[in-house]
Protein backbone atom coordinates (compact mmCIF):
# COMPACT_ATOMS: atom_id res chain seq x y z
CA MET A 1 -57.12 9.15 19.06
CA GLY A 2 -57.25 7.84 22.76
CA VAL A 3 -57.58 11.30 24.19
CA TYR A 4 -60.20 12.48 21.39
CA SER A 5 -62.06 9.34 22.40
CA ALA A 6 -62.19 9.84 25.94
CA ILE A 7 -63.18 13.51 25.60
CA SER A 8 -66.06 12.33 23.02
CA SER A 9 -67.17 9.67 25.55
CA PHE A 10 -67.35 12.34 28.29
CA PHE A 11 -69.63 14.37 26.47
CA THR A 12 -71.77 11.76 24.88
CA THR A 13 -74.57 10.31 26.83
CA THR A 14 -74.95 6.53 26.75
CA ALA A 15 -76.69 6.00 30.14
CA PRO A 16 -80.46 6.49 30.36
CA ASN A 17 -80.35 7.13 34.06
CA TYR A 18 -79.51 10.42 35.75
CA HIS A 19 -77.39 9.19 38.49
CA GLY A 20 -74.01 10.54 36.94
CA THR A 21 -75.55 14.16 36.13
CA TYR A 22 -76.94 14.38 39.52
CA ALA A 23 -73.50 13.26 40.89
CA VAL A 24 -71.97 16.25 39.11
CA TYR A 25 -74.54 18.76 40.59
CA ARG A 26 -74.19 17.01 44.09
CA VAL A 27 -70.42 17.98 44.10
CA PHE A 28 -71.32 21.76 43.62
CA MET A 29 -74.02 21.47 46.15
CA PHE A 30 -71.69 19.70 48.72
CA ILE A 31 -68.80 22.21 48.19
CA SER A 32 -71.31 25.23 48.82
CA GLY A 33 -73.14 23.67 51.56
CA VAL A 34 -76.56 23.51 49.93
CA ASN A 35 -76.81 19.88 49.53
CA PHE A 36 -80.39 19.93 50.82
CA PHE A 37 -81.42 16.33 49.27
CA ASP A 38 -78.53 14.76 51.42
CA ASP A 39 -79.65 12.75 54.46
CA ASP A 40 -76.91 14.46 56.61
CA PHE A 41 -77.75 17.94 55.73
CA MET A 42 -77.72 20.03 58.72
CA VAL A 43 -76.61 17.19 60.89
CA GLY A 44 -73.63 17.50 62.95
CA PRO A 45 -71.64 20.61 63.86
CA LEU A 46 -69.59 20.40 60.70
CA ASN A 47 -72.57 20.15 58.32
CA ILE A 48 -74.14 23.09 60.07
CA ALA A 49 -71.12 25.11 59.80
CA ARG A 50 -70.85 24.36 56.09
CA PHE A 51 -74.44 25.72 55.39
CA LEU A 52 -74.81 28.42 58.22
CA GLY A 53 -71.20 29.88 57.65
CA PRO A 54 -71.70 30.80 53.83
CA ALA A 55 -75.44 31.71 54.43
CA ILE A 56 -74.64 34.15 57.06
CA ALA A 57 -71.82 35.58 55.14
CA ALA A 58 -74.34 36.03 52.03
CA ILE A 59 -76.73 37.97 54.44
CA LEU A 60 -74.01 40.26 55.66
CA GLY A 61 -72.80 40.56 52.04
CA THR A 62 -76.29 41.84 51.00
CA ILE A 63 -76.32 44.23 53.97
CA SER A 64 -72.90 45.53 53.16
CA CYS A 65 -74.28 46.33 49.55
CA MET A 66 -76.98 48.66 50.96
CA ILE A 67 -74.38 50.36 53.27
CA HIS A 68 -71.89 50.62 50.41
CA LEU A 69 -74.66 52.07 48.18
CA HIS A 70 -75.65 54.75 50.81
CA ARG A 71 -72.05 55.61 51.32
CA TYR A 72 -71.01 56.26 47.69
CA LEU A 73 -74.47 57.49 46.52
CA ASP A 74 -72.73 60.24 44.36
CA GLU A 75 -70.92 57.56 42.34
CA VAL A 76 -73.16 55.96 39.44
CA ASP A 77 -70.99 53.04 39.02
CA GLN A 78 -70.76 52.07 42.63
CA VAL A 79 -74.61 52.67 42.92
CA ILE A 80 -75.31 50.07 39.93
CA LEU A 81 -72.74 47.47 41.09
CA SER A 82 -74.25 47.61 44.73
CA LEU A 83 -77.71 47.11 43.29
CA ALA A 84 -76.57 44.07 40.93
CA ALA A 85 -74.82 42.73 44.06
CA PHE A 86 -77.76 42.92 46.16
CA PHE A 87 -80.02 41.56 43.66
CA SER A 88 -77.88 38.47 43.16
CA GLY A 89 -77.28 37.91 46.74
CA THR A 90 -81.23 38.29 47.59
CA GLU A 91 -82.17 35.79 44.78
CA LEU A 92 -79.53 33.50 46.05
CA LEU A 93 -80.73 33.58 49.68
CA ILE A 94 -84.45 33.05 48.62
CA LYS A 95 -83.40 30.14 46.51
CA MET A 96 -81.53 28.72 49.37
CA CYS A 97 -84.30 29.16 51.98
CA GLY A 98 -86.95 27.99 49.77
CA MET A 99 -85.38 24.70 48.75
CA ALA A 100 -84.33 24.13 52.46
CA VAL A 101 -87.92 24.54 53.47
CA LYS A 102 -89.14 22.15 50.89
CA ARG A 103 -86.17 20.00 50.78
CA ASN A 104 -88.30 16.82 51.68
CA LYS A 105 -90.45 17.34 48.49
CA GLY A 106 -87.22 17.91 46.34
CA ALA A 107 -85.70 14.82 47.56
CA GLU A 108 -88.92 12.75 46.96
CA LEU A 109 -88.94 14.08 43.36
CA LEU A 110 -85.44 13.39 42.72
CA ALA A 111 -85.67 9.76 44.16
CA VAL A 112 -88.53 9.18 41.61
CA ILE A 113 -86.29 10.16 38.90
CA LEU A 114 -83.21 8.22 40.01
CA ASN A 115 -85.33 5.05 40.99
CA ASP A 116 -87.10 5.03 37.51
CA ARG A 117 -86.27 1.81 35.45
CA SER A 118 -88.98 2.30 32.75
CA TYR A 119 -86.11 2.61 30.19
CA GLU A 120 -85.73 -1.18 30.61
CA ASP A 121 -89.31 -1.67 28.99
CA GLY A 122 -87.65 -1.67 25.30
CA PRO A 123 -85.11 -0.24 22.99
CA VAL A 124 -87.59 2.88 21.88
CA GLU A 125 -87.89 3.68 25.46
CA ARG A 126 -84.25 3.38 26.35
CA ALA A 127 -83.32 5.60 23.21
CA ILE A 128 -85.97 8.37 24.29
CA PHE A 129 -84.38 8.20 27.87
CA VAL A 130 -80.92 8.61 26.44
CA ASN A 131 -81.82 11.34 24.26
CA TYR A 132 -83.38 13.35 27.23
CA HIS A 133 -80.50 12.50 29.38
CA GLY A 134 -78.31 14.07 26.93
CA LEU A 135 -80.17 17.31 27.04
CA ALA A 136 -79.84 17.30 30.76
CA ARG A 137 -76.06 16.93 30.36
CA THR A 138 -75.85 19.67 27.77
CA LEU A 139 -77.64 22.03 30.07
CA MET A 140 -75.30 20.87 32.99
CA PHE A 141 -72.10 21.96 30.93
CA ILE A 142 -73.98 25.33 29.98
CA THR A 143 -74.61 26.02 33.77
CA ILE A 144 -71.11 25.03 34.81
CA PHE A 145 -69.54 27.22 32.24
CA SER A 146 -71.87 30.43 32.57
CA TYR A 147 -71.59 31.19 36.19
CA PRO A 148 -67.89 30.89 36.73
CA PHE A 149 -67.33 32.80 33.54
CA THR A 150 -69.35 35.61 34.92
CA ALA A 151 -67.57 35.51 38.07
CA LEU A 152 -64.17 35.61 36.29
CA MET A 153 -65.21 38.62 34.12
CA LEU A 154 -66.29 40.65 37.16
CA ILE A 155 -63.08 39.48 39.18
CA SER A 156 -60.56 40.42 36.46
CA TYR A 157 -62.38 43.73 35.23
CA PRO A 158 -60.54 46.13 37.56
CA VAL A 159 -57.04 44.35 36.50
CA ILE A 160 -57.88 44.35 32.60
CA ALA A 161 -59.38 47.84 32.69
CA GLY A 162 -56.55 49.31 34.65
CA LYS A 163 -58.39 50.37 37.59
CA LEU A 164 -56.44 49.15 40.39
CA GLY A 165 -54.77 52.48 41.05
CA GLU A 166 -58.42 53.91 41.40
CA PHE A 167 -59.24 51.18 44.07
CA LEU A 168 -62.11 49.86 41.87
CA LEU A 169 -63.75 46.69 43.48
CA PRO A 170 -65.45 43.97 41.22
CA MET A 171 -68.65 44.33 43.09
CA GLY A 172 -70.44 47.21 44.90
CA PHE A 173 -69.89 46.02 48.47
CA SER A 174 -67.08 46.42 50.91
CA ILE A 175 -66.60 46.06 54.65
CA PRO A 176 -68.93 48.74 56.38
CA PHE A 177 -67.75 51.83 57.78
CA ILE A 178 -64.02 51.47 56.65
CA SER A 179 -62.94 53.07 53.51
CA HIS A 180 -61.65 50.60 50.79
CA LYS A 181 -59.72 53.22 48.99
CA GLN A 182 -56.48 52.75 51.02
CA HIS A 183 -54.23 49.91 51.72
CA PRO A 184 -54.50 47.34 52.90
CA TRP A 185 -58.28 47.48 53.08
CA TYR A 186 -58.65 47.55 49.09
CA GLU A 187 -56.67 44.14 48.94
CA ILE A 188 -58.75 42.72 51.73
CA ASN A 189 -62.01 43.84 50.25
CA TYR A 190 -60.97 42.59 46.79
CA LEU A 191 -60.10 39.09 48.37
CA ILE A 192 -63.50 38.81 50.21
CA GLU A 193 -65.23 39.68 46.89
CA VAL A 194 -63.31 37.06 45.14
CA VAL A 195 -64.30 34.37 47.74
CA GLN A 196 -68.00 35.57 47.57
CA MET A 197 -68.21 35.30 43.94
CA VAL A 198 -66.73 31.87 43.51
CA TRP A 199 -69.04 30.54 46.34
CA CYS A 200 -72.12 32.17 44.68
CA ALA A 201 -71.22 30.67 41.18
CA ILE A 202 -70.82 27.31 42.81
CA ALA A 203 -73.97 27.62 44.78
CA PHE A 204 -76.06 28.82 41.83
CA ILE A 205 -74.91 25.67 39.91
CA GLY A 206 -75.84 23.42 42.63
CA LEU A 207 -79.33 25.04 43.21
CA ASP A 208 -80.24 25.24 39.44
CA GLY A 209 -79.27 21.71 38.55
CA PRO A 210 -82.03 19.76 40.06
CA PHE A 211 -84.48 21.81 37.83
CA TYR A 212 -82.90 20.76 34.64
CA ILE A 213 -83.29 16.93 35.76
CA TYR A 214 -86.73 17.42 36.74
CA VAL A 215 -87.64 19.24 33.38
CA CYS A 216 -85.89 16.44 31.14
CA TYR A 217 -87.30 13.80 33.15
CA ALA A 218 -90.99 15.05 32.76
CA THR A 219 -90.44 15.81 29.18
CA CYS A 220 -88.93 12.33 28.60
CA LYS A 221 -91.99 10.55 30.24
CA MET A 222 -94.19 12.42 28.03
CA GLU A 223 -92.21 11.52 24.81
CA VAL A 224 -92.51 7.75 25.76
CA MET A 225 -96.49 8.39 26.36
CA LYS A 226 -96.76 9.98 22.80
CA THR A 227 -94.96 7.02 21.23
CA TYR A 228 -97.41 4.62 23.09
CA ILE A 229 -100.41 6.80 22.06
CA GLU A 230 -99.58 6.84 18.33
CA GLN A 231 -99.75 2.94 18.50
CA ILE A 232 -103.51 3.04 19.40
CA GLY A 233 -105.49 1.17 16.73
CA ASP A 234 -102.43 -0.12 14.99
CA SER A 235 -103.20 -3.84 16.11
CA GLU A 236 -106.57 -5.84 16.31
CA ASP A 237 -105.43 -7.57 19.44
CA VAL A 238 -107.84 -6.27 21.99
CA GLU A 239 -105.70 -7.17 24.96
CA GLN A 240 -102.71 -5.56 23.55
CA GLN A 241 -104.55 -2.30 23.07
CA ARG A 242 -105.99 -2.31 26.55
CA GLY A 243 -102.61 -2.95 27.85
CA LEU A 244 -101.38 0.01 25.70
CA LEU A 245 -104.21 2.19 27.25
CA ARG A 246 -103.33 1.28 30.80
CA LYS A 247 -99.77 2.12 30.17
CA ILE A 248 -100.84 5.69 28.86
CA ILE A 249 -102.92 6.24 31.74
CA GLY A 250 -100.37 5.24 34.28
CA ILE A 251 -97.68 7.41 32.79
CA HIS A 252 -99.95 10.33 32.24
CA THR A 253 -101.24 10.06 35.88
CA HIS A 254 -97.60 9.92 37.07
CA VAL A 255 -96.47 13.01 34.93
CA LEU A 256 -99.25 15.20 36.19
CA GLN A 257 -98.59 14.53 39.75
CA PHE A 258 -94.90 14.98 39.23
CA LEU A 259 -95.25 18.17 37.48
CA ARG A 260 -97.92 19.42 40.18
CA ASP A 261 -95.35 18.67 42.97
CA CYS A 262 -92.46 20.25 40.77
CA SER A 263 -94.63 23.35 40.74
CA ASP A 264 -95.41 23.43 44.26
CA PHE A 265 -91.56 22.98 44.93
CA TYR A 266 -90.56 25.94 42.52
CA GLN A 267 -93.36 28.29 42.26
CA GLU A 268 -92.23 30.87 44.96
CA ILE A 269 -88.71 30.20 44.22
CA TYR A 270 -88.87 31.15 40.55
CA LEU A 271 -91.52 33.97 41.14
CA ALA A 272 -88.52 35.65 43.22
CA GLN A 273 -85.92 34.68 40.49
CA VAL A 274 -88.10 36.28 37.65
CA PHE A 275 -88.69 39.47 39.82
CA PHE A 276 -84.93 39.86 40.65
CA SER A 277 -83.87 38.80 37.04
CA ILE A 278 -86.00 41.69 35.67
CA ALA A 279 -84.37 44.21 38.22
CA HIS A 280 -80.88 42.78 37.30
CA ILE A 281 -81.38 42.93 33.50
CA CYS A 282 -82.65 46.38 33.92
CA VAL A 283 -79.93 47.91 36.10
CA SER A 284 -77.24 46.03 33.90
CA LEU A 285 -78.49 47.36 30.80
CA PHE A 286 -78.75 50.81 32.23
CA HIS A 287 -75.09 50.65 33.21
CA VAL A 288 -74.12 49.40 29.71
CA GLN A 289 -76.12 52.10 27.98
CA LEU A 290 -74.69 54.64 30.27
CA LYS A 291 -71.04 54.01 30.16
CA LEU A 292 -69.60 51.67 27.47
CA LYS A 293 -66.61 50.88 29.55
CA ASN A 294 -68.00 48.94 32.62
CA SER A 295 -68.12 45.25 34.15
CA SER A 296 -72.02 44.92 33.80
CA TYR A 297 -71.52 42.97 30.39
CA GLY A 298 -71.26 39.71 31.87
CA MET A 299 -73.94 40.10 34.64
CA LEU A 300 -76.40 41.26 31.77
CA ALA A 301 -75.44 38.29 29.44
CA THR A 302 -75.75 35.90 32.14
CA ASN A 303 -79.12 37.10 33.48
CA VAL A 304 -80.69 37.21 29.97
CA ALA A 305 -79.26 33.56 29.24
CA LYS A 306 -80.27 32.12 32.51
CA MET A 307 -84.01 33.38 32.08
CA TRP A 308 -83.91 32.06 28.44
CA ILE A 309 -82.84 28.68 29.35
CA PHE A 310 -85.33 28.36 32.35
CA CYS A 311 -87.97 29.67 29.80
CA TYR A 312 -86.89 27.06 27.39
CA CYS A 313 -87.22 24.26 29.75
CA GLY A 314 -90.72 25.42 30.58
CA GLU A 315 -91.60 25.77 26.99
CA LEU A 316 -90.28 22.34 26.52
CA VAL A 317 -92.75 20.83 28.80
CA VAL A 318 -95.76 23.05 27.45
CA THR A 319 -94.83 22.00 23.96
CA LYS A 320 -94.57 18.35 24.61
CA ALA A 321 -97.86 18.38 26.73
CA ASN A 322 -99.57 19.91 23.43
CA GLU A 323 -98.02 17.34 21.31
CA VAL A 324 -99.27 14.50 23.39
CA CYS A 325 -102.74 16.02 23.31
CA GLU A 326 -102.68 16.31 19.56
CA ALA A 327 -101.30 12.74 19.20
CA MET A 328 -104.23 11.40 21.31
CA TYR A 329 -106.59 13.00 18.95
CA ALA A 330 -104.91 12.15 15.77
CA ASN A 331 -104.16 8.32 16.42
CA ARG A 332 -106.35 5.63 15.11
CA TRP A 333 -108.80 5.53 18.09
CA TYR A 334 -111.81 4.92 15.67
CA ARG A 335 -110.54 1.19 15.15
CA LEU A 336 -111.46 0.59 18.79
CA TRP A 337 -115.01 -0.59 18.52
CA ARG A 338 -115.46 -1.45 22.27
CA LYS A 339 -117.22 1.02 24.08
CA ASP A 340 -115.05 0.63 27.23
CA ASP A 341 -112.00 1.40 25.27
CA LEU A 342 -113.58 4.20 23.35
CA ARG A 343 -114.58 5.72 26.89
CA THR A 344 -110.96 5.19 28.00
CA VAL A 345 -109.58 7.02 25.08
CA ARG A 346 -112.14 9.94 25.76
CA PHE A 347 -111.10 10.19 29.28
CA VAL A 348 -107.38 10.28 28.46
CA LEU A 349 -108.13 12.94 25.82
CA ALA A 350 -110.06 15.04 28.23
CA ASN A 351 -107.02 14.91 30.66
CA THR A 352 -104.33 15.66 28.11
CA GLN A 353 -106.06 19.04 27.39
CA GLN A 354 -105.02 20.11 30.87
CA LYS A 355 -102.42 22.85 30.93
CA VAL A 356 -99.28 21.77 32.61
CA GLY A 357 -95.89 23.36 33.12
CA PHE A 358 -93.53 24.95 35.72
CA SER A 359 -95.61 27.71 37.55
CA ILE A 360 -94.12 30.99 38.14
CA GLY A 361 -95.87 31.83 41.60
CA GLY A 362 -99.09 30.37 40.44
CA PHE A 363 -99.58 33.25 37.82
CA ARG A 364 -98.26 31.73 34.68
CA PHE A 365 -96.01 29.03 33.22
CA LEU A 366 -92.29 29.33 32.11
CA SER A 367 -92.42 29.64 28.50
CA TYR A 368 -91.17 31.67 25.60
CA ASP A 369 -94.08 33.87 26.08
CA ALA A 370 -92.99 34.32 29.73
CA PHE A 371 -89.45 35.28 28.59
CA THR A 372 -90.84 37.94 26.21
CA GLU A 373 -92.78 39.56 29.15
CA ILE A 374 -89.76 39.59 31.27
CA MET A 375 -87.61 41.13 28.59
CA LYS A 376 -90.35 43.77 27.91
CA THR A 377 -90.76 44.46 31.45
CA ALA A 378 -87.13 44.92 32.16
CA TYR A 379 -86.71 47.21 29.00
CA SER A 380 -89.59 49.32 30.42
CA CYS A 381 -87.96 49.83 33.60
CA ASN A 382 -84.72 50.59 31.91
CA ALA A 383 -86.39 53.39 29.88
CA PHE A 384 -88.12 54.60 33.03
CA LEU A 385 -84.54 54.91 34.78
CA HIS A 386 -83.21 57.02 31.42
CA ASN A 387 -86.47 59.26 31.91
CA MET A 388 -85.63 59.84 35.42
CA LEU A 389 -81.82 60.62 34.72
CA ASN A 390 -82.80 62.96 32.12
């Protein structure tokens, strides 16, 4: 019973703040050298080597993918695996570079979340914070499981499929200008790919983690604001109602600015991620349809699940913003007879009608509609590849 209680308490959220969740992500960021939000990032020879070493290795890996693809252009499996590895490596590098360039903005957003103490305003506020922190932890566990699982599937496929004798590598890249289809170069390339995939899995967890914290925090604040909005007109105490309106305006102004800063921080990064995820889903699906026995199942499932989770998070923000707007219109605002208070209500109602969310390159927001478009585009590209092949 003691072990069960310990496991249950680990998975059950009781703290309203995000310090513990971010601490878990920070471990992955630190190990992979992408700890952009730390004060000692790229300070000192050791920290520079921790970031530049893997980053340079990732760049060389993507170049090796193209060389490997050109060298084995007559082997369809190798071409598909090389393209998949190139897409993953390029997506990772764009995320790293984008977050490194805008690290100060990301650190400011994270500091806002970690320093927020508004859950101390009352039991309702605390319950809402705990609820959304629980969602953040759930997303954390999914992320920690999904990327290593994909890496494990890729690493183990040549062994499980009995392809070691055919010198099959887990991914489509190798040391340039040296044939991997001989000993000991096959073993050396295999080991390099294992190390590279483990690092990529850890880095992806660290890079994606802050996004989930930002989403849950913004949605949580909007849920608190919605609770306050529903109390408008419930009391005849004028000062209490005015204080409530001031709280609503303060939270809404804060959330709008927070989401604008998040969009500025992520919009180019997630535009690139959407583009490479479409390409990755297309190529992996093509491989699955072309050949039943292959190693692309894990990559296909992970990329579809990853984009669904990101779009789910974006839809959460969009939906909650719409709920706030509806609550502002549906409350008992007609019980406020003072003109100043009614003007304030009209002002807040107009502001809540603004479209908010996480922008994809400034074109549209992450949402279920965006996920549908991503899958349609990926399938259309896949159909085009089949037509070219035929």
